[in-house]
C-alpha atoms as a PDB file:
ATOM      1  CA  UNK A   1     163.320  73.113  91.964  1.00  0.00           C
ATOM      2  CA  UNK A   2     162.262  74.456  88.566  1.00  0.00           C
ATOM      3  CA  UNK A   3     164.355  73.247  85.728  1.00  0.00           C
ATOM      4  CA  UNK A   4     164.531  76.847  84.201  1.00  0.00           C
ATOM      5  CA  UNK A   5     165.592  78.087  87.473  1.00  0.00           C
ATOM      6  CA  UNK A   6     168.380  75.366  87.521  1.00  0.00           C
ATOM      7  CA  UNK A   7     169.559  76.168  84.065  1.00  0.00           C
ATOM      8  CA  UNK A   8     169.749  79.919  85.059  1.00  0.00           C
ATOM      9  CA  UNK A   9     171.919  78.774  88.017  1.00  0.00           C
ATOM     10  CA  UNK A  10     174.195  76.786  85.850  1.00  0.00           C
ATOM     11  CA  UNK A  11     174.609  79.740  83.252  1.00  0.00           C
ATOM     12  CA  UNK A  12     175.346  81.984  86.255  1.00  0.00           C
ATOM     13  CA  UNK A  13     178.095  79.493  87.375  1.00  0.00           C
ATOM     14  CA  UNK A  14     179.828  79.387  83.935  1.00  0.00           C
ATOM     15  CA  UNK A  15     179.651  83.112  83.674  1.00  0.00           C
ATOM     16  CA  UNK A  16     181.135  83.730  87.018  1.00  0.00           C
ATOM     17  CA  UNK A  17     183.868  81.077  86.717  1.00  0.00           C
ATOM     18  CA  UNK A  18     187.453  81.718  86.317  1.00  0.00           C
ATOM     19  CA  UNK A  19     188.838  82.100  82.664  1.00  0.00           C
ATOM     20  CA  UNK A  20     192.046  80.519  81.383  1.00  0.00           C
ATOM     21  CA  UNK A  21     194.313  82.920  79.676  1.00  0.00           C
ATOM     22  CA  UNK A  22     194.431  82.980  75.919  1.00  0.00           C
ATOM     23  CA  UNK A  23     191.861  80.193  75.806  1.00  0.00           C
ATOM     24  CA  UNK A  24     188.049  79.809  75.490  1.00  0.00           C
ATOM     25  CA  UNK A  25     187.883  77.736  78.753  1.00  0.00           C
ATOM     26  CA  UNK A  26     186.961  78.221  82.282  1.00  0.00           C
ATOM     27  CA  UNK A  27     187.333  76.563  85.564  1.00  0.00           C
ATOM     28  CA  UNK A  28     184.154  75.392  87.205  1.00  0.00           C
ATOM     29  CA  UNK A  29     183.623  74.247  90.744  1.00  0.00           C
ATOM     30  CA  UNK A  30     182.970  70.506  90.215  1.00  0.00           C
ATOM     31  CA  UNK A  31     180.743  70.053  93.209  1.00  0.00           C
ATOM     32  CA  UNK A  32     178.431  73.054  92.147  1.00  0.00           C
ATOM     33  CA  UNK A  33     178.210  71.798  88.647  1.00  0.00           C
ATOM     34  CA  UNK A  34     177.353  68.089  89.808  1.00  0.00           C
ATOM     35  CA  UNK A  35     174.533  69.643  92.105  1.00  0.00           C
ATOM     36  CA  UNK A  36     173.049  71.549  89.339  1.00  0.00           C
ATOM     37  CA  UNK A  37     173.191  68.568  86.944  1.00  0.00           C
ATOM     38  CA  UNK A  38     171.484  66.360  89.601  1.00  0.00           C
ATOM     39  CA  UNK A  39     168.766  69.045  89.950  1.00  0.00           C
ATOM     40  CA  UNK A  40     168.174  69.025  86.363  1.00  0.00           C
ATOM     41  CA  UNK A  41     167.887  65.170  86.232  1.00  0.00           C
ATOM     42  CA  UNK A  42     165.503  65.275  89.159  1.00  0.00           C
ATOM     43  CA  UNK A  43     163.317  67.973  87.574  1.00  0.00           C
ATOM     44  CA  UNK A  44     163.684  66.663  84.036  1.00  0.00           C
ATOM     45  CA  UNK A  45     160.742  63.938  84.295  1.00  0.00           C
ATOM     46  CA  UNK A  46     158.169  66.503  85.766  1.00  0.00           C
ATOM     47  CA  UNK A  47     159.213  69.039  83.152  1.00  0.00           C
ATOM     48  CA  UNK A  48     158.738  66.493  80.499  1.00  0.00           C
ATOM     49  CA  UNK A  49     155.592  65.227  81.887  1.00  0.00           C
ATOM     50  CA  UNK A  50     154.133  68.794  82.061  1.00  0.00           C
ATOM     51  CA  UNK A  51     155.305  69.313  78.339  1.00  0.00           C
ATOM     52  CA  UNK A  52     153.619  66.101  77.529  1.00  0.00           C
ATOM     53  CA  UNK A  53     150.464  67.104  79.397  1.00  0.00           C
ATOM     54  CA  UNK A  54     150.313  70.615  77.598  1.00  0.00           C
ATOM     55  CA  UNK A  55     150.991  68.810  74.271  1.00  0.00           C
ATOM     56  CA  UNK A  56     148.124  66.310  74.978  1.00  0.00           C
ATOM     57  CA  UNK A  57     145.692  69.206  76.216  1.00  0.00           C
ATOM     58  CA  UNK A  58     146.760  71.497  73.438  1.00  0.00           C
ATOM     59  CA  UNK A  59     144.282  70.082  70.938  1.00  0.00           C
ATOM     60  CA  UNK A  60     141.509  70.258  73.551  1.00  0.00           C
ATOM     61  CA  UNK A  61     142.341  73.780  74.618  1.00  0.00           C
ATOM     62  CA  UNK A  62     142.520  74.860  70.820  1.00  0.00           C
ATOM     63  CA  UNK A  63     139.022  73.141  70.470  1.00  0.00           C
ATOM     64  CA  UNK A  64     137.520  74.706  73.358  1.00  0.00           C
ATOM     65  CA  UNK A  65     138.956  78.248  72.272  1.00  0.00           C
ATOM     66  CA  UNK A  66     137.454  77.623  68.800  1.00  0.00           C
ATOM     67  CA  UNK A  67     134.059  76.630  70.282  1.00  0.00           C
ATOM     68  CA  UNK A  68     134.115  79.619  72.609  1.00  0.00           C
ATOM     69  CA  UNK A  69     134.974  81.820  69.788  1.00  0.00           C
ATOM     70  CA  UNK A  70     132.176  80.444  67.706  1.00  0.00           C
ATOM     71  CA  UNK A  71     129.707  80.794  70.533  1.00  0.00           C
ATOM     72  CA  UNK A  72     130.775  84.589  71.044  1.00  0.00           C
ATOM     73  CA  UNK A  73     130.471  84.976  67.239  1.00  0.00           C
ATOM     74  CA  UNK A  74     127.048  83.529  67.135  1.00  0.00           C
ATOM     75  CA  UNK A  75     125.920  85.748  70.217  1.00  0.00           C
ATOM     76  CA  UNK A  76     127.210  88.741  68.522  1.00  0.00           C
ATOM     77  CA  UNK A  77     125.327  87.962  65.276  1.00  0.00           C
ATOM     78  CA  UNK A  78     122.159  87.406  67.303  1.00  0.00           C
ATOM     79  CA  UNK A  79     122.585  90.535  69.107  1.00  0.00           C
ATOM     80  CA  UNK A  80     123.332  92.552  65.928  1.00  0.00           C
ATOM     81  CA  UNK A  81     120.240  90.838  64.155  1.00  0.00           C
ATOM     82  CA  UNK A  82     118.044  91.757  67.209  1.00  0.00           C
ATOM     83  CA  UNK A  83     119.247  95.224  67.176  1.00  0.00           C
ATOM     84  CA  UNK A  84     118.512  95.587  63.455  1.00  0.00           C
ATOM     85  CA  UNK A  85     115.199  94.048  63.895  1.00  0.00           C
ATOM     86  CA  UNK A  86     114.482  96.456  66.716  1.00  0.00           C
ATOM     87  CA  UNK A  87     115.828  99.193  64.517  1.00  0.00           C
ATOM     88  CA  UNK A  88     113.317  98.237  61.744  1.00  0.00           C
ATOM     89  CA  UNK A  89     110.372  97.944  63.993  1.00  0.00           C
ATOM     90  CA  UNK A  90     111.366 101.501  65.482  1.00  0.00           C
ATOM     91  CA  UNK A  91     111.381 102.810  61.974  1.00  0.00           C
ATOM     92  CA  UNK A  92     108.140 101.219  60.909  1.00  0.00           C
ATOM     93  CA  UNK A  93     106.574 102.543  64.270  1.00  0.00           C
ATOM     94  CA  UNK A  94     107.713 106.058  63.601  1.00  0.00           C
ATOM     95  CA  UNK A  95     106.484 105.967  59.951  1.00  0.00           C
ATOM     96  CA  UNK A  96     103.200 104.726  61.085  1.00  0.00           C
ATOM     97  CA  UNK A  97     102.968 107.429  63.837  1.00  0.00           C
ATOM     98  CA  UNK A  98     103.818 109.992  61.354  1.00  0.00           C
ATOM     99  CA  UNK A  99     101.209 108.837  58.981  1.00  0.00           C
ATOM    100  CA  UNK A 100      98.528 108.756  61.787  1.00  0.00           C
ATOM    101  CA  UNK A 101      99.377 112.254  62.933  1.00  0.00           C
ATOM    102  CA  UNK A 102      99.270 113.371  59.306  1.00  0.00           C
ATOM    103  CA  UNK A 103      95.883 111.823  58.848  1.00  0.00           C
ATOM    104  CA  UNK A 104      94.573 113.135  62.175  1.00  0.00           C
ATOM    105  CA  UNK A 105      95.758 116.522  61.363  1.00  0.00           C
ATOM    106  CA  UNK A 106      93.919 116.397  57.885  1.00  0.00           C
ATOM    107  CA  UNK A 107      90.995 115.110  59.439  1.00  0.00           C
ATOM    108  CA  UNK A 108      90.764 117.684  62.182  1.00  0.00           C
ATOM    109  CA  UNK A 109      91.470 120.497  59.595  1.00  0.00           C
ATOM    110  CA  UNK A 110      88.333 119.046  57.517  1.00  0.00           C
ATOM    111  CA  UNK A 111      86.174 118.987  60.802  1.00  0.00           C
ATOM    112  CA  UNK A 112      87.189 122.554  61.580  1.00  0.00           C
ATOM    113  CA  UNK A 113      86.408 123.835  58.216  1.00  0.00           C
ATOM    114  CA  UNK A 114      83.151 122.030  58.216  1.00  0.00           C
ATOM    115  CA  UNK A 115      82.450 123.220  61.718  1.00  0.00           C
ATOM    116  CA  UNK A 116      83.139 126.939  60.511  1.00  0.00           C
ATOM    117  CA  UNK A 117      81.037 126.478  57.457  1.00  0.00           C
ATOM    118  CA  UNK A 118      78.325 125.019  59.391  1.00  0.00           C
ATOM    119  CA  UNK A 119      78.303 127.775  62.032  1.00  0.00           C
ATOM    120  CA  UNK A 120      78.428 130.311  59.187  1.00  0.00           C
ATOM    121  CA  UNK A 121      75.379 128.662  57.746  1.00  0.00           C
ATOM    122  CA  UNK A 122      73.585 128.776  61.130  1.00  0.00           C
ATOM    123  CA  UNK A 123      74.496 132.446  61.621  1.00  0.00           C
ATOM    124  CA  UNK A 124      73.249 133.193  58.084  1.00  0.00           C
ATOM    125  CA  UNK A 125      69.989 131.317  58.688  1.00  0.00           C
ATOM    126  CA  UNK A 126      69.566 132.991  62.088  1.00  0.00           C
ATOM    127  CA  UNK A 127      70.301 136.463  60.388  1.00  0.00           C
ATOM    128  CA  UNK A 128      67.621 135.796  57.873  1.00  0.00           C
ATOM    129  CA  UNK A 129      65.292 134.393  60.535  1.00  0.00           C
ATOM    130  CA  UNK A 130      65.883 137.459  62.925  1.00  0.00           C
ATOM    131  CA  UNK A 131      65.685 139.893  59.785  1.00  0.00           C
ATOM    132  CA  UNK A 132      62.230 138.032  59.046  1.00  0.00           C
ATOM    133  CA  UNK A 133      61.273 138.473  62.781  1.00  0.00           C
ATOM    134  CA  UNK A 134      62.290 142.116  62.547  1.00  0.00           C
ATOM    135  CA  UNK A 135      60.197 142.611  59.474  1.00  0.00           C
ATOM    136  CA  UNK A 136      57.191 141.075  60.920  1.00  0.00           C
ATOM    137  CA  UNK A 137      57.635 143.214  64.082  1.00  0.00           C
ATOM    138  CA  UNK A 138      57.873 146.259  61.915  1.00  0.00           C
ATOM    139  CA  UNK A 139      54.931 145.072  60.002  1.00  0.00           C
ATOM    140  CA  UNK A 140      53.040 144.692  63.205  1.00  0.00           C
ATOM    141  CA  UNK A 141      54.116 148.161  64.399  1.00  0.00           C
ATOM    142  CA  UNK A 142      52.950 149.717  61.226  1.00  0.00           C
ATOM    143  CA  UNK A 143      49.622 147.735  61.419  1.00  0.00           C
ATOM    144  CA  UNK A 144      49.256 149.250  64.941  1.00  0.00           C
ATOM    145  CA  UNK A 145      49.905 152.615  63.891  1.00  0.00           C
ATOM    146  CA  UNK A 146      47.299 152.145  61.158  1.00  0.00           C
ATOM    147  CA  UNK A 147      44.636 150.933  63.485  1.00  0.00           C
ATOM    148  CA  UNK A 148      45.513 153.836  65.768  1.00  0.00           C
ATOM    149  CA  UNK A 149      45.235 156.286  62.756  1.00  0.00           C
ATOM    150  CA  UNK A 150      41.865 154.921  61.568  1.00  0.00           C
ATOM    151  CA  UNK A 151      40.592 155.106  65.123  1.00  0.00           C
ATOM    152  CA  UNK A 152      41.547 158.789  65.365  1.00  0.00           C
ATOM    153  CA  UNK A 153      39.787 159.277  61.754  1.00  0.00           C
ATOM    154  CA  UNK A 154      36.627 157.678  62.845  1.00  0.00           C
ATOM    155  CA  UNK A 155      34.110 160.204  64.123  1.00  0.00           C
ATOM    156  CA  UNK A 156      33.513 159.854  67.719  1.00  0.00           C
ATOM    157  CA  UNK A 157      30.133 159.054  68.982  1.00  0.00           C
ATOM    158  CA  UNK A 158      29.667 162.397  70.371  1.00  0.00           C
ATOM    159  CA  UNK A 159      29.945 163.911  67.075  1.00  0.00           C
ATOM    160  CA  UNK A 160      27.148 161.916  65.664  1.00  0.00           C
END
């Protein structure tokens, strides 16, 4: 039987016993009291042994708990450091990506502007070339007209 339970029964025996009038005394059934005392004597060595084992193991339990707490703290620190490192890497990667995007945008704008300028130069050159060709065509047409006019102005062989 558990010693605590036996002590609870002893307390109940005293509480439920008959009281002597005008005194602080009570009448307890002797057999019940003796039985409870015997139970306490019987359980006492095992209770003491259990208390002694707990006392002996207390230091080991405390040491194990401290080691576990230290391990948990180290794991938490490592996790926090890893997360901080990952955050730094992420921030650096985002900054580098932004830098690359800005550089790419600047280069593409420059290439677009250069392409537009080159196309404008090609069109200007082609315009001058076409204008020159048109002038040559016009000159050739005028030359043909002059040839026709001279031909008309020449006396025909019949007139001679």
